[in-house]
Amino acid sequence: MLIQRRDEAHHDWTLYEGEGRVGIEWYFADATALGTQVMLYRLDPGASEGEHRHLAGAEDSCSAESSDELYVVTSGEIVFTADGVDRVLTVGDAAYARAGVTHGVRNDSAASAELVLVFGPAVR
């Protein structure tokens, strides 16, 4: 059994030309055999991930492989953008970006926000 405590794999990164830094806890990045990866994002007011997409072979892709992404807000409020359309998400709301969709999250509120991010190849 593996246990990971909060802050054991913490990073503060600027992602995809976003604003500020995103606090990221990447769960079992080197240990999981699952086809997906799981992260906890923390966005302070004004921080953003930056818009990006995951599509194998696309020149503007931020990754070599195609991946879908699922965002679930666990605290605060974020703005999720997909293909140029903004949607405000609050606690318990989720957004799903299929591979190839340009998307990103940002915090336009006055309080910090956290969300769980799950990403990986689309399989059924």
Protein backbone atom coordinates (compact mmCIF):
# COMPACT_ATOMS: atom_id res chain seq x y z
CA MET A 1 0.00 0.00 0.00
CA LEU A 2 1.21 3.51 -0.82
CA ILE A 3 0.30 6.63 1.13
CA GLN A 4 1.13 10.16 0.07
CA ARG A 5 0.67 13.03 2.48
CA ARG A 6 -0.14 16.55 1.39
CA ASP A 7 2.99 18.54 0.44
CA GLU A 8 5.16 15.42 -0.08
CA ALA A 9 5.13 16.00 -3.85
CA HIS A 10 4.32 19.71 -3.95
CA HIS A 11 5.47 21.99 -6.76
CA ASP A 12 4.75 25.61 -7.64
CA TRP A 13 4.80 25.89 -11.41
CA THR A 14 3.96 28.41 -14.09
CA LEU A 15 1.99 26.42 -16.65
CA TYR A 16 1.28 27.04 -20.31
CA GLU A 17 2.13 30.76 -20.08
CA GLY A 18 -0.50 31.26 -17.38
CA GLU A 19 -0.42 34.05 -14.79
CA GLY A 20 1.27 33.51 -11.44
CA ARG A 21 2.15 30.09 -10.14
CA VAL A 22 -0.10 27.07 -9.67
CA GLY A 23 0.45 25.00 -6.55
CA ILE A 24 0.41 21.36 -7.60
CA GLU A 25 0.41 18.18 -5.57
CA TRP A 26 1.08 15.34 -8.04
CA TYR A 27 -0.13 12.06 -6.58
CA PHE A 28 2.04 8.98 -7.18
CA ALA A 29 3.49 10.39 -10.40
CA ASP A 30 6.29 7.80 -10.52
CA ALA A 31 4.49 4.93 -8.80
CA THR A 32 1.06 4.56 -10.36
CA ALA A 33 0.26 1.87 -12.90
CA LEU A 34 -3.08 3.52 -13.65
CA GLY A 35 -3.61 4.98 -17.10
CA THR A 36 -4.44 8.33 -15.51
CA GLN A 37 -2.58 10.86 -13.40
CA VAL A 38 -4.10 12.77 -10.47
CA MET A 39 -3.14 16.21 -9.20
CA LEU A 40 -4.43 18.71 -6.67
CA TYR A 41 -4.25 22.29 -7.99
CA ARG A 42 -4.22 25.40 -5.82
CA LEU A 43 -4.83 28.70 -7.57
CA ASP A 44 -4.43 31.88 -5.59
CA PRO A 45 -6.37 34.96 -6.74
CA GLY A 46 -5.22 35.99 -10.21
CA ALA A 47 -3.44 32.69 -10.97
CA SER A 48 -4.16 30.72 -14.11
CA GLU A 49 -3.02 27.50 -15.69
CA GLY A 50 -3.00 29.01 -19.18
CA GLU A 51 -4.90 27.66 -22.15
CA HIS A 52 -3.51 24.53 -23.77
CA ARG A 53 -4.48 21.27 -25.42
CA HIS A 54 -3.28 17.67 -25.49
CA LEU A 55 -3.39 16.15 -28.96
CA ALA A 56 -0.78 13.77 -30.37
CA GLY A 57 0.80 15.12 -33.53
CA ALA A 58 -0.56 18.67 -33.19
CA GLU A 59 2.15 21.30 -33.43
CA ASP A 60 0.59 23.40 -30.63
CA SER A 61 -0.01 20.46 -28.26
CA CYS A 62 1.61 20.76 -24.83
CA SER A 63 2.15 16.99 -24.70
CA ALA A 64 3.26 14.27 -27.06
CA GLU A 65 0.19 12.16 -26.30
CA SER A 66 -3.54 12.80 -26.52
CA SER A 67 -5.18 13.16 -23.10
CA ASP A 68 -8.59 13.98 -21.72
CA GLU A 69 -8.76 16.07 -18.52
CA LEU A 70 -11.32 16.21 -15.73
CA TYR A 71 -11.34 19.12 -13.26
CA VAL A 72 -13.36 18.94 -10.00
CA VAL A 73 -13.54 22.06 -7.80
CA THR A 74 -13.04 21.21 -4.11
CA SER A 75 -12.86 24.76 -2.69
CA GLY A 76 -13.39 28.29 -3.96
CA GLU A 77 -14.37 29.30 -7.48
CA ILE A 78 -12.58 29.05 -10.81
CA VAL A 79 -13.26 29.98 -14.41
CA PHE A 80 -12.97 27.06 -16.83
CA THR A 81 -12.39 28.01 -20.47
CA ALA A 82 -12.91 25.56 -23.33
CA ASP A 83 -12.68 26.57 -26.99
CA GLY A 84 -13.02 30.24 -26.00
CA VAL A 85 -16.12 29.86 -23.80
CA ASP A 86 -15.84 30.73 -20.07
CA ARG A 87 -17.83 28.97 -17.36
CA VAL A 88 -17.68 29.72 -13.64
CA LEU A 89 -17.36 26.59 -11.50
CA THR A 90 -17.79 26.35 -7.72
CA VAL A 91 -17.40 23.60 -5.11
CA GLY A 92 -18.60 20.25 -6.43
CA ASP A 93 -18.75 21.40 -10.07
CA ALA A 94 -16.70 19.56 -12.68
CA ALA A 95 -15.52 20.21 -16.22
CA TYR A 96 -14.27 17.71 -18.80
CA ALA A 97 -11.96 18.58 -21.68
CA ARG A 98 -11.56 15.94 -24.37
CA ALA A 99 -8.23 15.54 -26.13
CA GLY A 100 -7.67 18.31 -28.64
CA VAL A 101 -9.96 20.86 -26.97
CA THR A 102 -8.13 24.08 -26.04
CA HIS A 103 -8.86 24.67 -22.36
CA GLY A 104 -7.57 26.11 -19.10
CA VAL A 105 -8.54 27.30 -15.63
CA ARG A 106 -8.06 30.58 -13.82
CA ASN A 107 -9.01 32.15 -10.52
CA ASP A 108 -10.72 35.52 -10.97
CA SER A 109 -12.07 35.53 -7.40
CA ALA A 110 -10.63 37.17 -4.26
CA ALA A 111 -10.07 33.81 -2.50
CA SER A 112 -7.83 30.81 -3.20
CA ALA A 113 -9.34 27.82 -4.99
CA GLU A 114 -8.45 24.13 -5.11
CA LEU A 115 -9.40 21.51 -7.63
CA VAL A 116 -8.60 17.92 -8.39
CA LEU A 117 -7.32 17.25 -11.89
CA VAL A 118 -7.44 13.78 -13.46
CA PHE A 119 -5.87 13.30 -16.89
CA GLY A 120 -4.95 10.50 -19.22
CA PRO A 121 -5.78 8.78 -22.48
CA ALA A 122 -9.41 8.33 -23.39
CA VAL A 123 -10.43 4.68 -23.13
CA ARG A 124 -13.76 2.95 -22.82
